[in-house]
Amino acid sequence: MKKIQRVLFTSVALGIVSLGFFIFERLAMTDIFHGEPDLTLEWQIIHISFLPILLFHILAVAAAVYVLRTINR
């Protein structure tokens, strides 16, 4: 049971981090859409935020599969 709690806690923690990156990414895209003169920082934010968001999605699916397999035993 401890392993399930660790997996779920890690998934929730990465989800919160992912949500923060999603908000920053949305703000960066708004600046890009409005045609700000220097977009270097905005594009860096978008590139950096891709990995945590992708990792969250992968971990969330893996956690759901793990929990379902554990419960169905």
Protein backbone atom coordinates (compact mmCIF):
# COMPACT_ATOMS: atom_id res chain seq x y z
CA MET A 1 0.00 0.00 0.00
CA LYS A 2 2.92 2.37 0.61
CA LYS A 3 4.01 2.09 -3.01
CA ILE A 4 0.58 3.14 -4.25
CA GLN A 5 0.67 6.19 -1.98
CA ARG A 6 4.11 7.19 -3.28
CA VAL A 7 3.01 6.81 -6.89
CA LEU A 8 -0.14 8.85 -6.33
CA PHE A 9 1.66 11.53 -4.31
CA THR A 10 4.31 11.87 -7.01
CA SER A 11 1.62 12.13 -9.66
CA VAL A 12 -0.25 14.82 -7.73
CA ALA A 13 2.94 16.79 -7.03
CA LEU A 14 3.98 16.68 -10.68
CA GLY A 15 0.44 17.66 -11.62
CA ILE A 16 0.69 20.82 -9.49
CA VAL A 17 4.07 21.68 -11.04
CA SER A 18 2.60 20.97 -14.47
CA LEU A 19 -0.32 23.31 -13.76
CA GLY A 20 2.11 26.09 -12.87
CA PHE A 21 4.02 25.56 -16.10
CA PHE A 22 0.74 25.50 -18.01
CA ILE A 23 -0.18 28.93 -16.62
CA PHE A 24 3.22 30.39 -17.54
CA GLU A 25 2.96 28.80 -20.98
CA ARG A 26 -0.46 30.37 -21.50
CA LEU A 27 0.87 33.80 -20.53
CA ALA A 28 3.79 33.37 -22.93
CA MET A 29 1.45 32.42 -25.77
CA THR A 30 -0.65 35.50 -25.06
CA ASP A 31 2.45 37.69 -25.44
CA ILE A 32 3.34 35.90 -28.68
CA PHE A 33 -0.19 36.42 -30.00
CA HIS A 34 -0.10 40.13 -29.16
CA GLY A 35 3.16 40.54 -31.11
CA GLU A 36 5.55 41.63 -28.39
CA PRO A 37 8.85 42.95 -29.83
CA ASP A 38 11.21 40.45 -28.13
CA LEU A 39 9.82 36.92 -27.86
CA THR A 40 12.97 35.09 -26.78
CA LEU A 41 11.84 34.56 -23.19
CA GLU A 42 8.34 33.51 -24.23
CA TRP A 43 9.62 30.79 -26.57
CA GLN A 44 12.05 29.57 -23.91
CA ILE A 45 9.17 29.24 -21.44
CA ILE A 46 7.19 27.19 -23.96
CA HIS A 47 10.14 24.92 -24.70
CA ILE A 48 11.00 24.40 -21.02
CA SER A 49 7.40 23.73 -19.97
CA PHE A 50 6.96 20.92 -22.50
CA LEU A 51 8.93 18.33 -20.54
CA PRO A 52 7.21 18.65 -17.13
CA ILE A 53 3.78 18.61 -18.75
CA LEU A 54 4.67 15.55 -20.83
CA LEU A 55 6.12 13.77 -17.78
CA PHE A 56 2.94 14.49 -15.81
CA HIS A 57 0.75 12.98 -18.49
CA ILE A 58 2.91 9.87 -18.76
CA LEU A 59 3.09 9.45 -14.97
CA ALA A 60 -0.64 10.03 -14.53
CA VAL A 61 -1.48 7.29 -17.04
CA ALA A 62 1.12 4.95 -15.52
CA ALA A 63 -0.22 5.63 -12.01
CA ALA A 64 -3.79 4.96 -13.10
CA VAL A 65 -2.77 1.67 -14.72
CA TYR A 66 -0.75 0.66 -11.65
CA VAL A 67 -3.58 1.45 -9.25
CA LEU A 68 -6.15 -0.37 -11.37
CA ARG A 69 -3.94 -3.46 -11.61
CA THR A 70 -3.31 -3.39 -7.86
CA ILE A 71 -6.97 -3.01 -7.00
CA ASN A 72 -8.06 -5.80 -9.36
CA ARG A 73 -5.73 -8.40 -7.83
